[in-house]
Amino acid sequence: MKGALLLNLGSPDSTDVPDVRKYLDEFLMDERVLDIKEWKRKLLLKLIILPKRPQASAEAYAKVWTDEGSPLIVTSEKQQKLVQEDTEIPVFLGMRYGSPSTASVVAEIKKAGVTELLILPLYPHYAMSSYESAVVKTMEELREQAPDIVTKLVQPFYKDPEYIHALWESIKPKHEGSGAHLMMSFHGIPERHVKKSDPSHAHCLVTPNCCDTCHPAHATCYRHQCMTTAKELMKYGGIDEKNVTISFQSRLLRDPWLSPYTDFEIQRLAKEGVKKLQVICPAFISDCLETLEEIAMEGKEEFLEHGGEEFELIPCLNTHPLWIKWMVDKIEKWES
């Protein structure tokens, strides 16, 4: 019996501070997210991050929370439902952090009698803190709970033609003919993560123009894959690169992260005379805190404060028909 598992990041169970603290603790204790020695990670969380950050994060979540719950969870559940409507193969949904947990969904998959499982991480790009972490956790749970299940893994789809087509069609109605400058804001990661993901440890962020120089490291290079998505999207949509800014958002702590930084670029564009700005976040499949609060609210405020006049977040793929079709096709055309 075949089954398919959609994997996403997750969300706190509510906007209550204890629930947010629990979520942040699980998220930041992940060695692939905060990749420092365990004792340092625990010390940093207990003494610096968890005493203060949950309150601020809870307030941010409250700004985007819906009557149905977390935007990320609600949208993911809608995606699962729509995909299930178009396939007879059972479709399951799991989160790397929070609920429904990876452990609980693996138990559900085992109980359903699945013997072959297609794992579909909802991350277009490879990063140790997202795609890799979700896959590793899932495989650990499968080994522990259901070691006989045969698995197949969908690889990062950052340049898949049908994904690019779906992404452009979701953007096109808002952007085409708008006259707006387009910002492609990808989620940021520390530069050290990029270097760690390079198996040669001698190419990424070391070789000049490393993202444009063919190398095996590109298979696990987040920056290269983001840049490739941006280039493929511009090519497919016929977008002039002069009207596009590529940036990275959501940096944490003081270590160097991938740049340029989105908040700095928003301010720069406004100061340089850009009056109308549209932002897309191609690293996310579903709108979430990082798009709805960080970009649509904080980003808009920064743009208007520094001289901009019109600001718009173009939604993620969410439940766009072509995105649902993309997932269904992956599941239906799956060959063991």
C-alpha atoms as a PDB file:
ATOM      1  CA  MET A   1       0.000   0.000   0.000  1.00  0.00           C
ATOM      2  CA  LYS A   2       1.383   3.374  -1.037  1.00  0.00           C
ATOM      3  CA  GLY A   3       1.162   6.587   0.976  1.00  0.00           C
ATOM      4  CA  ALA A   4       2.474  10.141   0.640  1.00  0.00           C
ATOM      5  CA  LEU A   5       3.744  12.419   3.389  1.00  0.00           C
ATOM      6  CA  LEU A   6       3.767  16.217   3.076  1.00  0.00           C
ATOM      7  CA  LEU A   7       6.334  17.783   5.412  1.00  0.00           C
ATOM      8  CA  ASN A   8       6.480  21.396   6.567  1.00  0.00           C
ATOM      9  CA  LEU A   9       8.171  23.387   9.311  1.00  0.00           C
ATOM     10  CA  GLY A  10       5.437  23.797  11.922  1.00  0.00           C
ATOM     11  CA  SER A  11       4.008  26.400  14.249  1.00  0.00           C
ATOM     12  CA  PRO A  12       3.185  26.957  17.935  1.00  0.00           C
ATOM     13  CA  ASP A  13      -0.124  25.455  19.083  1.00  0.00           C
ATOM     14  CA  SER A  14      -1.366  28.910  20.054  1.00  0.00           C
ATOM     15  CA  THR A  15      -0.182  32.480  20.599  1.00  0.00           C
ATOM     16  CA  ASP A  16       0.090  31.910  24.357  1.00  0.00           C
ATOM     17  CA  VAL A  17       3.622  32.555  25.579  1.00  0.00           C
ATOM     18  CA  PRO A  18       4.096  29.038  27.061  1.00  0.00           C
ATOM     19  CA  ASP A  19       3.132  27.440  23.724  1.00  0.00           C
ATOM     20  CA  VAL A  20       5.461  29.751  21.819  1.00  0.00           C
ATOM     21  CA  ARG A  21       8.271  29.050  24.293  1.00  0.00           C
ATOM     22  CA  LYS A  22       7.761  25.292  23.860  1.00  0.00           C
ATOM     23  CA  TYR A  23       7.877  25.658  20.081  1.00  0.00           C
ATOM     24  CA  LEU A  24      10.995  27.835  20.093  1.00  0.00           C
ATOM     25  CA  ASP A  25      12.717  25.455  22.485  1.00  0.00           C
ATOM     26  CA  GLU A  26      12.099  22.518  20.140  1.00  0.00           C
ATOM     27  CA  PHE A  27      13.043  24.528  17.060  1.00  0.00           C
ATOM     28  CA  LEU A  28      16.234  26.095  18.392  1.00  0.00           C
ATOM     29  CA  MET A  29      17.434  22.930  20.140  1.00  0.00           C
ATOM     30  CA  ASP A  30      17.674  21.337  16.701  1.00  0.00           C
ATOM     31  CA  GLU A  31      21.400  20.920  16.040  1.00  0.00           C
ATOM     32  CA  ARG A  32      20.809  21.667  12.360  1.00  0.00           C
ATOM     33  CA  VAL A  33      19.210  25.024  13.180  1.00  0.00           C
ATOM     34  CA  LEU A  34      21.453  26.271  15.967  1.00  0.00           C
ATOM     35  CA  ASP A  35      24.571  24.345  15.041  1.00  0.00           C
ATOM     36  CA  ILE A  36      26.770  24.892  18.064  1.00  0.00           C
ATOM     37  CA  LYS A  37      27.829  22.499  20.822  1.00  0.00           C
ATOM     38  CA  GLU A  38      24.842  21.213  22.786  1.00  0.00           C
ATOM     39  CA  TRP A  39      25.925  22.737  26.095  1.00  0.00           C
ATOM     40  CA  LYS A  40      26.344  26.128  24.442  1.00  0.00           C
ATOM     41  CA  ARG A  41      22.975  25.780  22.727  1.00  0.00           C
ATOM     42  CA  LYS A  42      21.229  24.968  26.004  1.00  0.00           C
ATOM     43  CA  LEU A  43      22.978  27.829  27.785  1.00  0.00           C
ATOM     44  CA  LEU A  44      22.092  30.309  25.035  1.00  0.00           C
ATOM     45  CA  LEU A  45      18.454  29.236  25.049  1.00  0.00           C
ATOM     46  CA  LYS A  46      17.941  29.182  28.801  1.00  0.00           C
ATOM     47  CA  LEU A  47      19.848  32.373  29.641  1.00  0.00           C
ATOM     48  CA  ILE A  48      19.300  34.626  26.632  1.00  0.00           C
ATOM     49  CA  ILE A  49      16.670  33.515  24.108  1.00  0.00           C
ATOM     50  CA  LEU A  50      13.867  31.764  25.997  1.00  0.00           C
ATOM     51  CA  PRO A  51      13.509  34.287  28.846  1.00  0.00           C
ATOM     52  CA  LYS A  52      12.579  37.141  26.460  1.00  0.00           C
ATOM     53  CA  ARG A  53      12.000  36.038  22.871  1.00  0.00           C
ATOM     54  CA  PRO A  54       8.778  34.000  23.413  1.00  0.00           C
ATOM     55  CA  GLN A  55       6.892  37.131  24.512  1.00  0.00           C
ATOM     56  CA  ALA A  56       7.931  39.087  21.419  1.00  0.00           C
ATOM     57  CA  SER A  57       7.281  36.104  19.141  1.00  0.00           C
ATOM     58  CA  ALA A  58       3.861  35.525  20.694  1.00  0.00           C
ATOM     59  CA  GLU A  59       2.924  39.136  19.946  1.00  0.00           C
ATOM     60  CA  ALA A  60       4.088  38.683  16.348  1.00  0.00           C
ATOM     61  CA  TYR A  61       2.113  35.453  15.929  1.00  0.00           C
ATOM     62  CA  ALA A  62      -0.981  37.154  17.348  1.00  0.00           C
ATOM     63  CA  LYS A  63      -0.869  39.653  14.487  1.00  0.00           C
ATOM     64  CA  VAL A  64      -1.263  36.935  11.842  1.00  0.00           C
ATOM     65  CA  TRP A  65      -3.256  34.277  13.727  1.00  0.00           C
ATOM     66  CA  THR A  66      -6.626  33.444  12.220  1.00  0.00           C
ATOM     67  CA  ASP A  67      -9.872  32.165  13.723  1.00  0.00           C
ATOM     68  CA  GLU A  68      -8.885  28.733  12.378  1.00  0.00           C
ATOM     69  CA  GLY A  69      -5.395  28.894  13.876  1.00  0.00           C
ATOM     70  CA  SER A  70      -1.856  29.259  12.589  1.00  0.00           C
ATOM     71  CA  PRO A  71      -1.769  30.382   8.920  1.00  0.00           C
ATOM     72  CA  LEU A  72       0.945  27.839   8.140  1.00  0.00           C
ATOM     73  CA  ILE A  73      -0.960  24.930   9.672  1.00  0.00           C
ATOM     74  CA  VAL A  74      -4.321  25.980   8.243  1.00  0.00           C
ATOM     75  CA  THR A  75      -2.904  26.337   4.723  1.00  0.00           C
ATOM     76  CA  SER A  76      -0.986  23.063   4.980  1.00  0.00           C
ATOM     77  CA  GLU A  77      -4.163  21.248   6.015  1.00  0.00           C
ATOM     78  CA  LYS A  78      -6.008  22.769   3.062  1.00  0.00           C
ATOM     79  CA  GLN A  79      -3.209  21.643   0.743  1.00  0.00           C
ATOM     80  CA  GLN A  80      -3.421  18.108   2.128  1.00  0.00           C
ATOM     81  CA  LYS A  81      -7.204  18.053   1.670  1.00  0.00           C
ATOM     82  CA  LEU A  82      -7.056  19.332  -1.907  1.00  0.00           C
ATOM     83  CA  VAL A  83      -4.316  16.896  -2.880  1.00  0.00           C
ATOM     84  CA  GLN A  84      -6.225  14.019  -1.285  1.00  0.00           C
ATOM     85  CA  GLU A  85      -9.300  14.893  -3.326  1.00  0.00           C
ATOM     86  CA  ASP A  86      -7.329  14.248  -6.533  1.00  0.00           C
ATOM     87  CA  THR A  87      -5.592  10.989  -5.628  1.00  0.00           C
ATOM     88  CA  GLU A  88      -6.583   7.656  -4.142  1.00  0.00           C
ATOM     89  CA  ILE A  89      -3.189   7.320  -2.479  1.00  0.00           C
ATOM     90  CA  PRO A  90      -3.496   8.273   1.236  1.00  0.00           C
ATOM     91  CA  VAL A  91      -1.904  11.667   1.896  1.00  0.00           C
ATOM     92  CA  PHE A  92      -0.542  12.500   5.350  1.00  0.00           C
ATOM     93  CA  LEU A  93       0.696  15.790   6.822  1.00  0.00           C
ATOM     94  CA  GLY A  94       3.492  16.217   9.349  1.00  0.00           C
ATOM     95  CA  MET A  95       5.434  19.094  10.892  1.00  0.00           C
ATOM     96  CA  ARG A  96       9.098  19.100  11.852  1.00  0.00           C
ATOM     97  CA  TYR A  97       8.252  21.047  15.006  1.00  0.00           C
ATOM     98  CA  GLY A  98       4.985  21.365  16.883  1.00  0.00           C
ATOM     99  CA  SER A  99       1.785  19.553  15.867  1.00  0.00           C
ATOM    100  CA  PRO A 100       1.064  17.304  14.065  1.00  0.00           C
ATOM    101  CA  SER A 101       4.498  16.035  15.036  1.00  0.00           C
ATOM    102  CA  THR A 102       6.667  13.848  12.856  1.00  0.00           C
ATOM    103  CA  ALA A 103       6.436  11.049  15.426  1.00  0.00           C
ATOM    104  CA  SER A 104       2.637  11.152  15.522  1.00  0.00           C
ATOM    105  CA  VAL A 105       2.223  11.170  11.740  1.00  0.00           C
ATOM    106  CA  VAL A 106       4.630   8.233  11.342  1.00  0.00           C
ATOM    107  CA  ALA A 107       2.518   6.322  13.875  1.00  0.00           C
ATOM    108  CA  GLU A 108      -0.554   7.217  11.808  1.00  0.00           C
ATOM    109  CA  ILE A 109       1.138   6.034   8.614  1.00  0.00           C
ATOM    110  CA  LYS A 110       2.081   2.717  10.221  1.00  0.00           C
ATOM    111  CA  LYS A 111      -1.429   2.220  11.586  1.00  0.00           C
ATOM    112  CA  ALA A 112      -2.883   2.829   8.112  1.00  0.00           C
ATOM    113  CA  GLY A 113      -0.879  -0.106   6.761  1.00  0.00           C
ATOM    114  CA  VAL A 114       1.363   1.865   4.403  1.00  0.00           C
ATOM    115  CA  THR A 115       4.269  -0.196   3.058  1.00  0.00           C
ATOM    116  CA  GLU A 116       5.697   2.305   0.536  1.00  0.00           C
ATOM    117  CA  LEU A 117       5.975   5.987   1.410  1.00  0.00           C
ATOM    118  CA  LEU A 118       6.694   9.007  -0.777  1.00  0.00           C
ATOM    119  CA  ILE A 119       8.201  11.778   1.359  1.00  0.00           C
ATOM    120  CA  LEU A 120       7.546  15.246  -0.053  1.00  0.00           C
ATOM    121  CA  PRO A 121       9.260  18.035   1.937  1.00  0.00           C
ATOM    122  CA  LEU A 122       7.533  21.334   1.169  1.00  0.00           C
ATOM    123  CA  TYR A 123      10.841  23.148   0.786  1.00  0.00           C
ATOM    124  CA  PRO A 124      11.929  24.101  -2.755  1.00  0.00           C
ATOM    125  CA  HIS A 125      15.563  24.522  -1.695  1.00  0.00           C
ATOM    126  CA  TYR A 126      18.035  22.382   0.231  1.00  0.00           C
ATOM    127  CA  ALA A 127      19.154  23.714   3.606  1.00  0.00           C
ATOM    128  CA  MET A 128      20.419  21.802   6.619  1.00  0.00           C
ATOM    129  CA  SER A 129      18.057  23.771   8.868  1.00  0.00           C
ATOM    130  CA  SER A 130      14.902  22.984   6.874  1.00  0.00           C
ATOM    131  CA  TYR A 131      14.868  20.273   4.191  1.00  0.00           C
ATOM    132  CA  GLU A 132      17.656  18.207   5.729  1.00  0.00           C
ATOM    133  CA  SER A 133      16.351  18.476   9.282  1.00  0.00           C
ATOM    134  CA  ALA A 134      12.808  17.473   8.303  1.00  0.00           C
ATOM    135  CA  VAL A 135      14.018  14.491   6.281  1.00  0.00           C
ATOM    136  CA  VAL A 136      16.467  13.268   8.938  1.00  0.00           C
ATOM    137  CA  LYS A 137      13.810  13.461  11.663  1.00  0.00           C
ATOM    138  CA  THR A 138      11.309  11.579   9.488  1.00  0.00           C
ATOM    139  CA  MET A 139      13.786   8.823   8.683  1.00  0.00           C
ATOM    140  CA  GLU A 140      14.693   8.487  12.366  1.00  0.00           C
ATOM    141  CA  GLU A 141      11.040   8.037  13.301  1.00  0.00           C
ATOM    142  CA  LEU A 142      10.494   5.560  10.470  1.00  0.00           C
ATOM    143  CA  ARG A 143      13.498   3.473  11.552  1.00  0.00           C
ATOM    144  CA  GLU A 144      12.213   3.431  15.122  1.00  0.00           C
ATOM    145  CA  GLN A 145       8.506   2.873  14.487  1.00  0.00           C
ATOM    146  CA  ALA A 146       8.169   1.281  11.047  1.00  0.00           C
ATOM    147  CA  PRO A 147      11.542   0.075   9.713  1.00  0.00           C
ATOM    148  CA  ASP A 148       9.939  -2.094   7.022  1.00  0.00           C
ATOM    149  CA  ILE A 149       8.338   0.829   5.164  1.00  0.00           C
ATOM    150  CA  VAL A 150      10.098   1.478   1.855  1.00  0.00           C
ATOM    151  CA  THR A 151      10.632   5.187   1.200  1.00  0.00           C
ATOM    152  CA  LYS A 152      11.195   7.463  -1.746  1.00  0.00           C
ATOM    153  CA  LEU A 153      12.245  11.080  -1.275  1.00  0.00           C
ATOM    154  CA  VAL A 154      11.308  14.044  -3.470  1.00  0.00           C
ATOM    155  CA  GLN A 155      14.434  16.113  -4.027  1.00  0.00           C
ATOM    156  CA  PRO A 156      14.512  19.933  -3.791  1.00  0.00           C
ATOM    157  CA  PHE A 157      12.477  21.242  -6.726  1.00  0.00           C
ATOM    158  CA  TYR A 158      13.918  24.748  -6.991  1.00  0.00           C
ATOM    159  CA  LYS A 159      14.260  24.573 -10.787  1.00  0.00           C
ATOM    160  CA  ASP A 160      11.531  22.074 -11.661  1.00  0.00           C
ATOM    161  CA  PRO A 161       9.843  23.540 -14.780  1.00  0.00           C
ATOM    162  CA  GLU A 162       6.312  22.854 -13.538  1.00  0.00           C
ATOM    163  CA  TYR A 163       7.125  24.414 -10.161  1.00  0.00           C
ATOM    164  CA  ILE A 164       8.501  27.517 -11.888  1.00  0.00           C
ATOM    165  CA  HIS A 165       5.384  27.598 -14.072  1.00  0.00           C
ATOM    166  CA  ALA A 166       3.107  27.391 -11.016  1.00  0.00           C
ATOM    167  CA  LEU A 167       5.131  30.045  -9.195  1.00  0.00           C
ATOM    168  CA  TRP A 168       4.942  32.455 -12.127  1.00  0.00           C
ATOM    169  CA  GLU A 169       1.225  31.919 -12.647  1.00  0.00           C
ATOM    170  CA  SER A 170       0.625  32.715  -8.976  1.00  0.00           C
ATOM    171  CA  ILE A 171       2.613  35.943  -9.318  1.00  0.00           C
ATOM    172  CA  LYS A 172       1.544  37.035 -12.799  1.00  0.00           C
ATOM    173  CA  PRO A 173      -1.948  38.442 -12.009  1.00  0.00           C
ATOM    174  CA  LYS A 174      -0.488  40.781  -9.397  1.00  0.00           C
ATOM    175  CA  HIS A 175       2.786  41.739 -11.041  1.00  0.00           C
ATOM    176  CA  GLU A 176       2.351  41.813 -14.808  1.00  0.00           C
ATOM    177  CA  GLY A 177       1.648  45.356 -15.938  1.00  0.00           C
ATOM    178  CA  SER A 178       1.893  46.722 -12.384  1.00  0.00           C
ATOM    179  CA  GLY A 179       5.013  48.789 -13.007  1.00  0.00           C
ATOM    180  CA  ALA A 180       6.291  47.724  -9.582  1.00  0.00           C
ATOM    181  CA  HIS A 181       9.848  46.810  -8.688  1.00  0.00           C
ATOM    182  CA  LEU A 182       9.929  43.129  -7.691  1.00  0.00           C
ATOM    183  CA  MET A 183      11.817  41.928  -4.637  1.00  0.00           C
ATOM    184  CA  MET A 184      12.484  38.201  -4.271  1.00  0.00           C
ATOM    185  CA  SER A 185      13.067  37.724  -0.559  1.00  0.00           C
ATOM    186  CA  PHE A 186      14.349  34.272   0.368  1.00  0.00           C
ATOM    187  CA  HIS A 187      14.621  33.039   3.928  1.00  0.00           C
ATOM    188  CA  GLY A 188      18.161  33.614   5.156  1.00  0.00           C
ATOM    189  CA  ILE A 189      20.562  31.112   6.686  1.00  0.00           C
ATOM    190  CA  PRO A 190      23.987  31.618   8.302  1.00  0.00           C
ATOM    191  CA  GLU A 191      26.889  31.623   5.876  1.00  0.00           C
ATOM    192  CA  ARG A 192      28.451  28.802   7.892  1.00  0.00           C
ATOM    193  CA  HIS A 193      25.479  26.569   6.976  1.00  0.00           C
ATOM    194  CA  VAL A 194      26.267  27.069   3.293  1.00  0.00           C
ATOM    195  CA  LYS A 195      29.906  26.166   3.875  1.00  0.00           C
ATOM    196  CA  LYS A 196      28.984  23.121   5.976  1.00  0.00           C
ATOM    197  CA  SER A 197      26.668  21.862   3.234  1.00  0.00           C
ATOM    198  CA  ASP A 198      29.501  21.980   0.690  1.00  0.00           C
ATOM    199  CA  PRO A 199      30.997  18.445   0.683  1.00  0.00           C
ATOM    200  CA  SER A 200      34.261  19.762  -0.753  1.00  0.00           C
ATOM    201  CA  HIS A 201      34.521  22.608   1.793  1.00  0.00           C
ATOM    202  CA  ALA A 202      36.344  24.499  -0.925  1.00  0.00           C
ATOM    203  CA  HIS A 203      33.728  25.956  -3.250  1.00  0.00           C
ATOM    204  CA  CYS A 204      30.686  27.643  -1.660  1.00  0.00           C
ATOM    205  CA  LEU A 205      31.414  31.238  -0.612  1.00  0.00           C
ATOM    206  CA  VAL A 206      35.092  30.517  -1.360  1.00  0.00           C
ATOM    207  CA  THR A 207      35.321  30.366  -5.161  1.00  0.00           C
ATOM    208  CA  PRO A 208      34.540  33.661  -6.943  1.00  0.00           C
ATOM    209  CA  ASN A 209      31.065  33.516  -8.523  1.00  0.00           C
ATOM    210  CA  CYS A 210      30.614  30.148  -6.809  1.00  0.00           C
ATOM    211  CA  CYS A 211      26.872  29.958  -7.534  1.00  0.00           C
ATOM    212  CA  ASP A 212      27.480  30.384 -11.269  1.00  0.00           C
ATOM    213  CA  THR A 213      30.419  27.971 -11.462  1.00  0.00           C
ATOM    214  CA  CYS A 214      29.293  24.391 -12.008  1.00  0.00           C
ATOM    215  CA  HIS A 215      30.132  22.225  -9.007  1.00  0.00           C
ATOM    216  CA  PRO A 216      28.749  19.128  -7.225  1.00  0.00           C
ATOM    217  CA  ALA A 217      28.191  21.319  -4.144  1.00  0.00           C
ATOM    218  CA  HIS A 218      25.197  22.900  -5.880  1.00  0.00           C
ATOM    219  CA  ALA A 219      23.134  19.798  -5.051  1.00  0.00           C
ATOM    220  CA  THR A 220      23.121  20.921  -1.418  1.00  0.00           C
ATOM    221  CA  CYS A 221      23.834  24.647  -1.763  1.00  0.00           C
ATOM    222  CA  TYR A 222      20.939  26.779  -0.559  1.00  0.00           C
ATOM    223  CA  ARG A 223      22.284  30.017  -2.031  1.00  0.00           C
ATOM    224  CA  HIS A 224      22.855  28.520  -5.480  1.00  0.00           C
ATOM    225  CA  GLN A 225      19.391  27.008  -5.498  1.00  0.00           C
ATOM    226  CA  CYS A 226      17.732  30.283  -4.460  1.00  0.00           C
ATOM    227  CA  MET A 227      19.619  32.169  -7.168  1.00  0.00           C
ATOM    228  CA  THR A 228      18.622  29.520  -9.703  1.00  0.00           C
ATOM    229  CA  THR A 229      14.937  29.841  -8.771  1.00  0.00           C
ATOM    230  CA  ALA A 230      15.196  33.611  -9.201  1.00  0.00           C
ATOM    231  CA  LYS A 231      16.884  33.316 -12.605  1.00  0.00           C
ATOM    232  CA  GLU A 232      14.468  30.667 -13.864  1.00  0.00           C
ATOM    233  CA  LEU A 233      11.493  32.730 -12.725  1.00  0.00           C
ATOM    234  CA  MET A 234      12.791  35.880 -14.421  1.00  0.00           C
ATOM    235  CA  LYS A 235      13.462  33.930 -17.605  1.00  0.00           C
ATOM    236  CA  TYR A 236      10.062  32.233 -17.594  1.00  0.00           C
ATOM    237  CA  GLY A 237       8.140  35.415 -16.856  1.00  0.00           C
ATOM    238  CA  GLY A 238      10.230  37.648 -19.096  1.00  0.00           C
ATOM    239  CA  ILE A 239      11.142  39.872 -16.161  1.00  0.00           C
ATOM    240  CA  ASP A 240      13.993  42.341 -16.669  1.00  0.00           C
ATOM    241  CA  GLU A 241      16.627  41.686 -13.987  1.00  0.00           C
ATOM    242  CA  LYS A 242      17.040  45.466 -13.637  1.00  0.00           C
ATOM    243  CA  ASN A 243      13.582  45.505 -12.077  1.00  0.00           C
ATOM    244  CA  VAL A 244      14.374  42.743  -9.584  1.00  0.00           C
ATOM    245  CA  THR A 245      16.137  42.736  -6.222  1.00  0.00           C
ATOM    246  CA  ILE A 246      17.167  39.443  -4.598  1.00  0.00           C
ATOM    247  CA  SER A 247      17.578  39.419  -0.834  1.00  0.00           C
ATOM    248  CA  PHE A 248      17.514  37.258   2.308  1.00  0.00           C
ATOM    249  CA  GLN A 249      15.376  37.766   5.413  1.00  0.00           C
ATOM    250  CA  SER A 250      14.906  36.573   9.007  1.00  0.00           C
ATOM    251  CA  ARG A 251      18.511  36.613  10.234  1.00  0.00           C
ATOM    252  CA  LEU A 252      19.133  35.662  13.876  1.00  0.00           C
ATOM    253  CA  LEU A 253      21.965  36.529  16.249  1.00  0.00           C
ATOM    254  CA  ARG A 254      25.109  38.328  15.106  1.00  0.00           C
ATOM    255  CA  ASP A 255      26.834  35.817  12.844  1.00  0.00           C
ATOM    256  CA  PRO A 256      27.117  36.618   9.108  1.00  0.00           C
ATOM    257  CA  TRP A 257      24.027  35.464   7.224  1.00  0.00           C
ATOM    258  CA  LEU A 258      23.418  35.359   3.505  1.00  0.00           C
ATOM    259  CA  SER A 259      23.121  38.863   2.137  1.00  0.00           C
ATOM    260  CA  PRO A 260      21.935  41.343   1.036  1.00  0.00           C
ATOM    261  CA  TYR A 261      19.481  41.583   3.918  1.00  0.00           C
ATOM    262  CA  THR A 262      15.845  42.171   3.002  1.00  0.00           C
ATOM    263  CA  ASP A 263      15.167  44.919   5.553  1.00  0.00           C
ATOM    264  CA  PHE A 264      18.248  46.856   4.429  1.00  0.00           C
ATOM    265  CA  GLU A 265      17.278  46.445   0.770  1.00  0.00           C
ATOM    266  CA  ILE A 266      13.723  47.644   1.399  1.00  0.00           C
ATOM    267  CA  GLN A 267      15.087  50.823   2.952  1.00  0.00           C
ATOM    268  CA  ARG A 268      17.666  51.272   0.173  1.00  0.00           C
ATOM    269  CA  LEU A 269      15.102  50.936  -2.605  1.00  0.00           C
ATOM    270  CA  ALA A 270      12.785  53.458  -0.963  1.00  0.00           C
ATOM    271  CA  LYS A 271      15.608  55.944  -0.437  1.00  0.00           C
ATOM    272  CA  GLU A 272      16.735  55.538  -4.055  1.00  0.00           C
ATOM    273  CA  GLY A 273      13.311  56.518  -5.339  1.00  0.00           C
ATOM    274  CA  VAL A 274      11.418  53.271  -5.862  1.00  0.00           C
ATOM    275  CA  LYS A 275       7.795  54.218  -5.226  1.00  0.00           C
ATOM    276  CA  LYS A 276       6.040  50.896  -5.810  1.00  0.00           C
ATOM    277  CA  LEU A 277       7.425  47.652  -4.448  1.00  0.00           C
ATOM    278  CA  GLN A 278       6.075  44.112  -4.632  1.00  0.00           C
ATOM    279  CA  VAL A 279       7.663  41.292  -2.652  1.00  0.00           C
ATOM    280  CA  ILE A 280       7.531  37.557  -3.195  1.00  0.00           C
ATOM    281  CA  CYS A 281       9.013  34.927  -0.847  1.00  0.00           C
ATOM    282  CA  PRO A 282       9.877  31.917  -3.054  1.00  0.00           C
ATOM    283  CA  ALA A 283      11.523  29.921  -0.247  1.00  0.00           C
ATOM    284  CA  PHE A 284       8.097  29.474   1.340  1.00  0.00           C
ATOM    285  CA  ILE A 285       5.295  27.379  -0.115  1.00  0.00           C
ATOM    286  CA  SER A 286       2.740  28.669   2.402  1.00  0.00           C
ATOM    287  CA  ASP A 287       2.327  32.111   3.918  1.00  0.00           C
ATOM    288  CA  CYS A 288       3.439  32.193   7.531  1.00  0.00           C
ATOM    289  CA  LEU A 289       4.835  34.498  10.216  1.00  0.00           C
ATOM    290  CA  GLU A 290       7.878  35.359   8.099  1.00  0.00           C
ATOM    291  CA  THR A 291       5.794  36.522   5.150  1.00  0.00           C
ATOM    292  CA  LEU A 292       2.657  37.906   6.796  1.00  0.00           C
ATOM    293  CA  GLU A 293       4.269  39.753   9.694  1.00  0.00           C
ATOM    294  CA  GLU A 294       7.919  40.279   8.787  1.00  0.00           C
ATOM    295  CA  ILE A 295       7.289  41.311   5.180  1.00  0.00           C
ATOM    296  CA  ALA A 296       3.648  42.411   4.775  1.00  0.00           C
ATOM    297  CA  MET A 297       3.642  44.406   8.031  1.00  0.00           C
ATOM    298  CA  GLU A 298       7.198  45.305   9.081  1.00  0.00           C
ATOM    299  CA  GLY A 299       8.521  45.511   5.523  1.00  0.00           C
ATOM    300  CA  LYS A 300       5.674  47.748   4.432  1.00  0.00           C
ATOM    301  CA  GLU A 301       6.219  50.056   7.383  1.00  0.00           C
ATOM    302  CA  GLU A 302       9.929  50.372   6.588  1.00  0.00           C
ATOM    303  CA  PHE A 303       9.278  51.048   2.902  1.00  0.00           C
ATOM    304  CA  LEU A 304       6.720  53.777   3.560  1.00  0.00           C
ATOM    305  CA  GLU A 305       8.838  55.369   6.306  1.00  0.00           C
ATOM    306  CA  HIS A 306      11.773  55.782   3.919  1.00  0.00           C
ATOM    307  CA  GLY A 307       9.901  57.337   1.010  1.00  0.00           C
ATOM    308  CA  GLY A 308       8.089  54.511  -0.724  1.00  0.00           C
ATOM    309  CA  GLU A 309       4.419  54.913  -1.635  1.00  0.00           C
ATOM    310  CA  GLU A 310       2.953  51.488  -2.489  1.00  0.00           C
ATOM    311  CA  PHE A 311       3.961  48.142  -1.000  1.00  0.00           C
ATOM    312  CA  GLU A 312       2.447  44.709  -1.603  1.00  0.00           C
ATOM    313  CA  LEU A 313       3.255  41.181  -0.528  1.00  0.00           C
ATOM    314  CA  ILE A 314       2.322  38.769  -3.311  1.00  0.00           C
ATOM    315  CA  PRO A 315       1.048  35.601  -1.587  1.00  0.00           C
ATOM    316  CA  CYS A 316       2.933  32.320  -1.630  1.00  0.00           C
ATOM    317  CA  LEU A 317       1.688  29.402  -3.694  1.00  0.00           C
ATOM    318  CA  ASN A 318      -0.596  28.315  -0.831  1.00  0.00           C
ATOM    319  CA  THR A 319      -3.535  26.497  -2.500  1.00  0.00           C
ATOM    320  CA  HIS A 320      -2.999  27.717  -6.058  1.00  0.00           C
ATOM    321  CA  PRO A 321      -4.458  25.075  -8.445  1.00  0.00           C
ATOM    322  CA  LEU A 322      -1.178  24.601 -10.311  1.00  0.00           C
ATOM    323  CA  TRP A 323       0.682  23.983  -7.060  1.00  0.00           C
ATOM    324  CA  ILE A 324      -1.886  21.425  -5.945  1.00  0.00           C
ATOM    325  CA  LYS A 325      -1.584  19.785  -9.375  1.00  0.00           C
ATOM    326  CA  TRP A 326       2.207  19.718  -8.998  1.00  0.00           C
ATOM    327  CA  MET A 327       1.935  17.762  -5.742  1.00  0.00           C
ATOM    328  CA  VAL A 328      -0.720  15.432  -7.127  1.00  0.00           C
ATOM    329  CA  ASP A 329       1.445  14.718 -10.183  1.00  0.00           C
ATOM    330  CA  LYS A 330       4.422  13.874  -7.962  1.00  0.00           C
ATOM    331  CA  ILE A 331       2.297  11.409  -6.030  1.00  0.00           C
ATOM    332  CA  GLU A 332       0.416   9.913  -8.983  1.00  0.00           C
ATOM    333  CA  LYS A 333       3.517   9.497 -11.179  1.00  0.00           C
ATOM    334  CA  TRP A 334       5.564   8.034  -8.383  1.00  0.00           C
ATOM    335  CA  GLU A 335       7.497   4.946  -9.407  1.00  0.00           C
ATOM    336  CA  SER A 336       8.935   2.726  -6.690  1.00  0.00           C
END
